[in-house]
Amino acid sequence: MPSPIRTKMLRVTENGNDPNDNRGDPNYLSTAPQKPNWMNDFVLTQEQIEELGNPVWVFSDVIIQGHLITIVGPPGCGKTALAMSIASEVPKDYEVFYVNADVSGSGAKEAALFAAEHKFTMMLPDMKQGMSMDDVVEHLVDMNMCGGDFSNMVFFFDTLKKMTDVINKSKSKELLKTLRGLSAKGMTIVLLAHTNKHKGDDGKDVFEGTGDLRADVDEMIYLESVRHGDNSLTISTRP
């Protein structure tokens, strides 16, 4: 025989009949818990929302102004060639800076001549005596601390591995904090990064770096390439 269903009677009282009901007390509203006012400090006004505007493309369908983007691929897949090509096609009302710390002497000359021809700035820290990418990062930290509007600046960093220890969580986090601060001030930042030597379980390339670097950029674009008999490359993004 099934167990009987037990019901519970709830006592409902009219307003004021329950001695524990204080709603009739004129002082109740002044003593009841109120929503803290600080919450409104984080709510955008309609005017502020409208000022945000729509995304502005620095390079159509790839790079959005003010975003932090990572382009990932194995060595020799064409990351630098693609990034240099993009840098040359960014509209001329932007200041474009390409920081290359992953190039040899002969390659540095070719890169510098290409940049001069296409009117963007090629920075080669390792080619300057006593300087390195570490000095560039120090200047970025200073820029972030001083503040300003960097919305007309587009930076390419080749490569991320020369900017920090990509597998050190603490160091990577510090760099990301600086880059995030600069992008919040309008700077567009493109990082070129390597993949691990070993592919993932799905057979695809895996980003070489901490989870923070992978998760906290605005876009991460994986490249795949096919080299042809004439030594040309066909580069595509991974679906």
C-alpha atoms as a PDB file:
ATOM      1  CA  MET A   1       0.000   0.000   0.000  1.00  0.00           C
ATOM      2  CA  PRO A   2       1.532   3.361  -1.006  1.00  0.00           C
ATOM      3  CA  SER A   3       2.419   5.795   1.732  1.00  0.00           C
ATOM      4  CA  PRO A   4      -0.106   8.586   2.252  1.00  0.00           C
ATOM      5  CA  ILE A   5       0.877  12.013   0.923  1.00  0.00           C
ATOM      6  CA  ARG A   6       1.489  14.428   3.744  1.00  0.00           C
ATOM      7  CA  THR A   7       0.510  18.052   3.327  1.00  0.00           C
ATOM      8  CA  LYS A   8       1.625  21.032   5.322  1.00  0.00           C
ATOM      9  CA  MET A   9      -0.726  23.868   6.175  1.00  0.00           C
ATOM     10  CA  LEU A  10       0.700  27.368   5.834  1.00  0.00           C
ATOM     11  CA  ARG A  11      -0.720  30.119   7.999  1.00  0.00           C
ATOM     12  CA  VAL A  12      -1.485  33.215   5.961  1.00  0.00           C
ATOM     13  CA  THR A  13      -2.194  36.412   7.832  1.00  0.00           C
ATOM     14  CA  GLU A  14      -3.408  39.772   6.693  1.00  0.00           C
ATOM     15  CA  ASN A  15      -1.015  42.657   6.731  1.00  0.00           C
ATOM     16  CA  GLY A  16      -0.573  43.762  10.320  1.00  0.00           C
ATOM     17  CA  ASN A  17      -2.072  40.662  11.970  1.00  0.00           C
ATOM     18  CA  ASP A  18       1.275  38.914  12.304  1.00  0.00           C
ATOM     19  CA  PRO A  19       3.278  40.337  15.208  1.00  0.00           C
ATOM     20  CA  ASN A  20       6.459  39.662  13.187  1.00  0.00           C
ATOM     21  CA  ASP A  21       5.186  41.683  10.217  1.00  0.00           C
ATOM     22  CA  ASN A  22       6.740  45.147  10.433  1.00  0.00           C
ATOM     23  CA  ARG A  23       5.362  46.565   7.198  1.00  0.00           C
ATOM     24  CA  GLY A  24       2.866  48.643   9.118  1.00  0.00           C
ATOM     25  CA  ASP A  25       5.632  50.335  11.080  1.00  0.00           C
ATOM     26  CA  PRO A  26       6.363  53.785   9.548  1.00  0.00           C
ATOM     27  CA  ASN A  27      10.031  53.370  10.506  1.00  0.00           C
ATOM     28  CA  TYR A  28      10.299  49.997   8.754  1.00  0.00           C
ATOM     29  CA  LEU A  29      11.421  51.348   5.364  1.00  0.00           C
ATOM     30  CA  SER A  30      14.234  53.341   6.927  1.00  0.00           C
ATOM     31  CA  THR A  31      15.578  50.314   8.798  1.00  0.00           C
ATOM     32  CA  ALA A  32      15.096  47.664   6.062  1.00  0.00           C
ATOM     33  CA  PRO A  33      18.233  46.589   4.133  1.00  0.00           C
ATOM     34  CA  GLN A  34      18.811  48.805   1.093  1.00  0.00           C
ATOM     35  CA  LYS A  35      20.618  48.013  -2.179  1.00  0.00           C
ATOM     36  CA  PRO A  36      24.162  49.409  -1.901  1.00  0.00           C
ATOM     37  CA  ASN A  37      24.624  52.515  -4.039  1.00  0.00           C
ATOM     38  CA  TRP A  38      28.048  51.389  -5.305  1.00  0.00           C
ATOM     39  CA  MET A  39      26.378  49.033  -7.786  1.00  0.00           C
ATOM     40  CA  ASN A  40      25.257  51.982  -9.885  1.00  0.00           C
ATOM     41  CA  ASP A  41      28.882  53.122 -10.242  1.00  0.00           C
ATOM     42  CA  PHE A  42      29.448  50.233 -12.655  1.00  0.00           C
ATOM     43  CA  VAL A  43      26.366  50.778 -14.832  1.00  0.00           C
ATOM     44  CA  LEU A  44      26.886  52.621 -18.132  1.00  0.00           C
ATOM     45  CA  THR A  45      24.550  55.456 -19.005  1.00  0.00           C
ATOM     46  CA  GLN A  46      22.763  55.416 -22.351  1.00  0.00           C
ATOM     47  CA  GLU A  47      25.107  58.151 -23.564  1.00  0.00           C
ATOM     48  CA  GLN A  48      28.172  56.106 -22.578  1.00  0.00           C
ATOM     49  CA  ILE A  49      26.765  53.040 -24.342  1.00  0.00           C
ATOM     50  CA  GLU A  50      26.228  55.021 -27.544  1.00  0.00           C
ATOM     51  CA  GLU A  51      29.806  56.346 -27.364  1.00  0.00           C
ATOM     52  CA  LEU A  52      31.143  52.783 -27.474  1.00  0.00           C
ATOM     53  CA  GLY A  53      30.165  52.595 -31.113  1.00  0.00           C
ATOM     54  CA  ASN A  54      30.593  49.679 -33.491  1.00  0.00           C
ATOM     55  CA  PRO A  55      33.808  47.741 -34.160  1.00  0.00           C
ATOM     56  CA  VAL A  56      36.319  49.548 -36.376  1.00  0.00           C
ATOM     57  CA  TRP A  57      38.317  47.250 -38.644  1.00  0.00           C
ATOM     58  CA  VAL A  58      42.029  48.024 -38.881  1.00  0.00           C
ATOM     59  CA  PHE A  59      42.318  45.182 -41.387  1.00  0.00           C
ATOM     60  CA  SER A  60      39.050  43.900 -42.845  1.00  0.00           C
ATOM     61  CA  ASP A  61      37.593  40.806 -41.137  1.00  0.00           C
ATOM     62  CA  VAL A  62      40.826  40.102 -39.231  1.00  0.00           C
ATOM     63  CA  ILE A  63      41.920  42.919 -36.895  1.00  0.00           C
ATOM     64  CA  ILE A  64      39.599  45.151 -34.865  1.00  0.00           C
ATOM     65  CA  GLN A  65      40.875  48.454 -33.496  1.00  0.00           C
ATOM     66  CA  GLY A  66      41.741  48.239 -29.807  1.00  0.00           C
ATOM     67  CA  HIS A  67      41.817  44.440 -29.756  1.00  0.00           C
ATOM     68  CA  LEU A  68      44.570  42.122 -28.567  1.00  0.00           C
ATOM     69  CA  ILE A  69      45.056  39.405 -31.191  1.00  0.00           C
ATOM     70  CA  THR A  70      47.375  36.404 -31.309  1.00  0.00           C
ATOM     71  CA  ILE A  71      48.315  34.746 -34.609  1.00  0.00           C
ATOM     72  CA  VAL A  72      49.564  31.226 -33.929  1.00  0.00           C
ATOM     73  CA  GLY A  73      51.401  28.777 -36.146  1.00  0.00           C
ATOM     74  CA  PRO A  74      54.387  26.421 -36.332  1.00  0.00           C
ATOM     75  CA  PRO A  75      57.805  27.697 -37.483  1.00  0.00           C
ATOM     76  CA  GLY A  76      57.944  28.374 -41.200  1.00  0.00           C
ATOM     77  CA  CYS A  77      54.180  28.549 -41.699  1.00  0.00           C
ATOM     78  CA  GLY A  78      54.288  32.156 -42.915  1.00  0.00           C
ATOM     79  CA  LYS A  79      53.323  34.107 -39.776  1.00  0.00           C
ATOM     80  CA  THR A  80      55.863  36.862 -40.365  1.00  0.00           C
ATOM     81  CA  ALA A  81      55.138  37.120 -44.096  1.00  0.00           C
ATOM     82  CA  LEU A  82      51.412  37.422 -43.396  1.00  0.00           C
ATOM     83  CA  ALA A  83      51.851  39.951 -40.584  1.00  0.00           C
ATOM     84  CA  MET A  84      54.211  42.081 -42.706  1.00  0.00           C
ATOM     85  CA  SER A  85      51.703  42.049 -45.534  1.00  0.00           C
ATOM     86  CA  ILE A  86      48.902  43.117 -43.180  1.00  0.00           C
ATOM     87  CA  ALA A  87      51.091  45.870 -41.696  1.00  0.00           C
ATOM     88  CA  SER A  88      51.682  47.252 -45.188  1.00  0.00           C
ATOM     89  CA  GLU A  89      47.938  47.449 -45.861  1.00  0.00           C
ATOM     90  CA  VAL A  90      46.774  49.098 -42.634  1.00  0.00           C
ATOM     91  CA  PRO A  91      45.216  52.488 -43.501  1.00  0.00           C
ATOM     92  CA  LYS A  92      47.774  55.283 -43.404  1.00  0.00           C
ATOM     93  CA  ASP A  93      45.888  57.257 -40.739  1.00  0.00           C
ATOM     94  CA  TYR A  94      47.254  54.698 -38.243  1.00  0.00           C
ATOM     95  CA  GLU A  95      50.824  54.615 -36.968  1.00  0.00           C
ATOM     96  CA  VAL A  96      52.061  51.066 -37.536  1.00  0.00           C
ATOM     97  CA  PHE A  97      54.996  49.649 -35.583  1.00  0.00           C
ATOM     98  CA  TYR A  98      56.409  46.202 -36.342  1.00  0.00           C
ATOM     99  CA  VAL A  99      58.742  44.914 -33.604  1.00  0.00           C
ATOM    100  CA  ASN A 100      60.767  42.013 -34.976  1.00  0.00           C
ATOM    101  CA  ALA A 101      63.033  40.153 -32.554  1.00  0.00           C
ATOM    102  CA  ASP A 102      62.950  36.903 -34.485  1.00  0.00           C
ATOM    103  CA  VAL A 103      65.045  37.732 -37.526  1.00  0.00           C
ATOM    104  CA  SER A 104      68.645  37.327 -38.725  1.00  0.00           C
ATOM    105  CA  GLY A 105      70.887  40.088 -40.045  1.00  0.00           C
ATOM    106  CA  SER A 106      70.059  39.589 -43.732  1.00  0.00           C
ATOM    107  CA  GLY A 107      66.387  39.172 -42.914  1.00  0.00           C
ATOM    108  CA  ALA A 108      66.474  42.356 -40.846  1.00  0.00           C
ATOM    109  CA  LYS A 109      67.714  44.373 -43.823  1.00  0.00           C
ATOM    110  CA  GLU A 110      64.985  43.005 -46.068  1.00  0.00           C
ATOM    111  CA  ALA A 111      62.337  43.709 -43.410  1.00  0.00           C
ATOM    112  CA  ALA A 112      63.561  47.269 -42.853  1.00  0.00           C
ATOM    113  CA  LEU A 113      63.528  48.035 -46.589  1.00  0.00           C
ATOM    114  CA  PHE A 114      60.029  46.573 -46.957  1.00  0.00           C
ATOM    115  CA  ALA A 115      58.739  48.691 -44.062  1.00  0.00           C
ATOM    116  CA  ALA A 116      60.316  51.845 -45.475  1.00  0.00           C
ATOM    117  CA  GLU A 117      58.728  51.191 -48.855  1.00  0.00           C
ATOM    118  CA  HIS A 118      55.279  50.726 -47.308  1.00  0.00           C
ATOM    119  CA  LYS A 119      55.533  53.586 -44.816  1.00  0.00           C
ATOM    120  CA  PHE A 120      55.425  51.759 -41.485  1.00  0.00           C
ATOM    121  CA  THR A 121      58.047  51.605 -38.726  1.00  0.00           C
ATOM    122  CA  MET A 122      60.258  48.532 -38.418  1.00  0.00           C
ATOM    123  CA  MET A 123      61.810  48.130 -34.960  1.00  0.00           C
ATOM    124  CA  LEU A 124      64.701  45.661 -34.659  1.00  0.00           C
ATOM    125  CA  PRO A 125      65.764  45.656 -30.994  1.00  0.00           C
ATOM    126  CA  ASP A 126      68.211  42.769 -31.314  1.00  0.00           C
ATOM    127  CA  MET A 127      70.024  44.596 -34.110  1.00  0.00           C
ATOM    128  CA  LYS A 128      70.773  47.548 -31.806  1.00  0.00           C
ATOM    129  CA  GLN A 129      73.840  47.098 -29.625  1.00  0.00           C
ATOM    130  CA  GLY A 130      73.000  46.523 -25.955  1.00  0.00           C
ATOM    131  CA  MET A 131      69.254  46.390 -26.586  1.00  0.00           C
ATOM    132  CA  SER A 132      66.649  43.648 -26.761  1.00  0.00           C
ATOM    133  CA  MET A 133      62.921  43.003 -26.683  1.00  0.00           C
ATOM    134  CA  ASP A 134      63.120  43.412 -22.891  1.00  0.00           C
ATOM    135  CA  ASP A 135      63.777  47.118 -23.424  1.00  0.00           C
ATOM    136  CA  VAL A 136      60.715  47.372 -25.654  1.00  0.00           C
ATOM    137  CA  VAL A 137      58.566  45.721 -22.976  1.00  0.00           C
ATOM    138  CA  GLU A 138      59.860  48.201 -20.371  1.00  0.00           C
ATOM    139  CA  HIS A 139      58.768  51.098 -22.576  1.00  0.00           C
ATOM    140  CA  LEU A 140      55.340  49.489 -23.007  1.00  0.00           C
ATOM    141  CA  VAL A 141      54.980  49.266 -19.222  1.00  0.00           C
ATOM    142  CA  ASP A 142      55.837  52.976 -18.950  1.00  0.00           C
ATOM    143  CA  MET A 143      53.320  53.880 -21.666  1.00  0.00           C
ATOM    144  CA  ASN A 144      50.601  51.966 -19.869  1.00  0.00           C
ATOM    145  CA  MET A 145      51.367  53.623 -16.526  1.00  0.00           C
ATOM    146  CA  CYS A 146      51.504  57.131 -18.000  1.00  0.00           C
ATOM    147  CA  GLY A 147      48.236  56.669 -19.854  1.00  0.00           C
ATOM    148  CA  GLY A 148      46.980  58.437 -22.950  1.00  0.00           C
ATOM    149  CA  ASP A 149      45.008  57.747 -26.099  1.00  0.00           C
ATOM    150  CA  PHE A 150      46.720  55.151 -28.291  1.00  0.00           C
ATOM    151  CA  SER A 151      43.828  54.491 -30.655  1.00  0.00           C
ATOM    152  CA  ASN A 152      45.891  55.495 -33.709  1.00  0.00           C
ATOM    153  CA  MET A 153      48.672  52.988 -32.899  1.00  0.00           C
ATOM    154  CA  VAL A 154      48.941  49.441 -34.256  1.00  0.00           C
ATOM    155  CA  PHE A 155      51.729  47.226 -32.890  1.00  0.00           C
ATOM    156  CA  PHE A 156      52.909  43.883 -34.259  1.00  0.00           C
ATOM    157  CA  PHE A 157      55.187  41.851 -31.966  1.00  0.00           C
ATOM    158  CA  ASP A 158      57.259  39.109 -33.560  1.00  0.00           C
ATOM    159  CA  THR A 159      57.386  37.005 -31.495  1.00  0.00           C
ATOM    160  CA  LEU A 160      55.541  36.658 -28.200  1.00  0.00           C
ATOM    161  CA  LYS A 161      58.197  34.217 -26.984  1.00  0.00           C
ATOM    162  CA  LYS A 162      60.779  37.024 -27.070  1.00  0.00           C
ATOM    163  CA  MET A 163      58.582  39.238 -24.861  1.00  0.00           C
ATOM    164  CA  THR A 164      58.121  36.851 -21.940  1.00  0.00           C
ATOM    165  CA  ASP A 165      58.532  33.279 -20.768  1.00  0.00           C
ATOM    166  CA  VAL A 166      55.331  31.965 -22.332  1.00  0.00           C
ATOM    167  CA  ILE A 167      55.159  28.917 -20.063  1.00  0.00           C
ATOM    168  CA  ASN A 168      55.714  30.913 -16.862  1.00  0.00           C
ATOM    169  CA  LYS A 169      52.278  31.813 -15.537  1.00  0.00           C
ATOM    170  CA  SER A 170      53.438  34.712 -13.366  1.00  0.00           C
ATOM    171  CA  LYS A 171      55.569  36.398 -16.053  1.00  0.00           C
ATOM    172  CA  SER A 172      52.955  35.851 -18.745  1.00  0.00           C
ATOM    173  CA  LYS A 173      50.302  37.368 -16.505  1.00  0.00           C
ATOM    174  CA  GLU A 174      52.392  40.515 -15.967  1.00  0.00           C
ATOM    175  CA  LEU A 175      52.880  41.014 -19.701  1.00  0.00           C
ATOM    176  CA  LEU A 176      49.215  40.383 -20.395  1.00  0.00           C
ATOM    177  CA  LYS A 177      48.262  42.968 -17.764  1.00  0.00           C
ATOM    178  CA  THR A 178      50.365  45.580 -19.566  1.00  0.00           C
ATOM    179  CA  LEU A 179      49.056  44.697 -23.025  1.00  0.00           C
ATOM    180  CA  ARG A 180      45.471  44.672 -21.764  1.00  0.00           C
ATOM    181  CA  GLY A 181      45.985  48.104 -20.254  1.00  0.00           C
ATOM    182  CA  LEU A 182      47.290  49.446 -23.557  1.00  0.00           C
ATOM    183  CA  SER A 183      44.467  47.916 -25.586  1.00  0.00           C
ATOM    184  CA  ALA A 184      41.980  49.475 -23.143  1.00  0.00           C
ATOM    185  CA  LYS A 185      43.561  52.816 -24.072  1.00  0.00           C
ATOM    186  CA  GLY A 186      42.905  52.130 -27.748  1.00  0.00           C
ATOM    187  CA  MET A 187      46.106  50.442 -28.912  1.00  0.00           C
ATOM    188  CA  THR A 188      45.706  47.593 -31.408  1.00  0.00           C
ATOM    189  CA  ILE A 189      48.120  44.756 -30.643  1.00  0.00           C
ATOM    190  CA  VAL A 190      48.980  41.731 -32.783  1.00  0.00           C
ATOM    191  CA  LEU A 191      51.162  39.011 -31.244  1.00  0.00           C
ATOM    192  CA  LEU A 192      52.828  36.294 -33.305  1.00  0.00           C
ATOM    193  CA  ALA A 193      53.174  33.043 -31.377  1.00  0.00           C
ATOM    194  CA  HIS A 194      54.480  29.525 -31.864  1.00  0.00           C
ATOM    195  CA  THR A 195      52.787  26.178 -31.411  1.00  0.00           C
ATOM    196  CA  ASN A 196      53.985  23.244 -29.313  1.00  0.00           C
ATOM    197  CA  LYS A 197      56.246  20.682 -30.944  1.00  0.00           C
ATOM    198  CA  HIS A 198      53.635  18.003 -30.318  1.00  0.00           C
ATOM    199  CA  LYS A 199      50.105  18.237 -31.693  1.00  0.00           C
ATOM    200  CA  GLY A 200      46.977  17.800 -29.583  1.00  0.00           C
ATOM    201  CA  ASP A 201      44.897  14.639 -29.288  1.00  0.00           C
ATOM    202  CA  ASP A 202      42.835  15.854 -32.240  1.00  0.00           C
ATOM    203  CA  GLY A 203      45.958  16.041 -34.409  1.00  0.00           C
ATOM    204  CA  LYS A 204      45.884  19.836 -34.558  1.00  0.00           C
ATOM    205  CA  ASP A 205      48.513  22.362 -33.522  1.00  0.00           C
ATOM    206  CA  VAL A 206      48.407  23.648 -29.938  1.00  0.00           C
ATOM    207  CA  PHE A 207      49.361  27.136 -28.762  1.00  0.00           C
ATOM    208  CA  GLU A 208      52.669  27.253 -26.896  1.00  0.00           C
ATOM    209  CA  GLY A 209      51.916  29.211 -23.745  1.00  0.00           C
ATOM    210  CA  THR A 210      49.908  29.414 -20.548  1.00  0.00           C
ATOM    211  CA  GLY A 211      46.153  29.140 -20.368  1.00  0.00           C
ATOM    212  CA  ASP A 212      45.930  32.811 -19.357  1.00  0.00           C
ATOM    213  CA  LEU A 213      47.578  33.950 -22.583  1.00  0.00           C
ATOM    214  CA  ARG A 214      45.312  31.689 -24.585  1.00  0.00           C
ATOM    215  CA  ALA A 215      42.092  32.655 -22.812  1.00  0.00           C
ATOM    216  CA  ASP A 216      42.527  36.391 -22.282  1.00  0.00           C
ATOM    217  CA  VAL A 217      43.275  37.658 -25.787  1.00  0.00           C
ATOM    218  CA  ASP A 218      40.362  38.921 -27.859  1.00  0.00           C
ATOM    219  CA  GLU A 219      41.070  36.651 -30.817  1.00  0.00           C
ATOM    220  CA  MET A 220      43.438  33.746 -31.393  1.00  0.00           C
ATOM    221  CA  ILE A 221      43.945  32.812 -35.035  1.00  0.00           C
ATOM    222  CA  TYR A 222      45.624  29.528 -35.968  1.00  0.00           C
ATOM    223  CA  LEU A 223      47.449  29.375 -39.300  1.00  0.00           C
ATOM    224  CA  GLU A 224      47.984  26.385 -41.532  1.00  0.00           C
ATOM    225  CA  SER A 225      50.109  26.486 -44.660  1.00  0.00           C
ATOM    226  CA  VAL A 226      51.005  24.378 -47.658  1.00  0.00           C
ATOM    227  CA  ARG A 227      54.362  24.848 -49.370  1.00  0.00           C
ATOM    228  CA  HIS A 228      54.362  24.361 -53.132  1.00  0.00           C
ATOM    229  CA  GLY A 229      57.072  23.198 -55.513  1.00  0.00           C
ATOM    230  CA  ASP A 230      58.029  26.762 -56.417  1.00  0.00           C
ATOM    231  CA  ASN A 231      58.617  27.446 -52.682  1.00  0.00           C
ATOM    232  CA  SER A 232      55.493  29.606 -52.415  1.00  0.00           C
ATOM    233  CA  LEU A 233      53.061  29.203 -49.517  1.00  0.00           C
ATOM    234  CA  THR A 234      49.291  29.023 -49.360  1.00  0.00           C
ATOM    235  CA  ILE A 235      48.263  30.231 -45.896  1.00  0.00           C
ATOM    236  CA  SER A 236      44.824  29.642 -44.425  1.00  0.00           C
ATOM    237  CA  THR A 237      43.204  29.960 -41.015  1.00  0.00           C
ATOM    238  CA  ARG A 238      42.169  26.818 -39.215  1.00  0.00           C
ATOM    239  CA  PRO A 239      38.405  26.205 -39.071  1.00  0.00           C
END
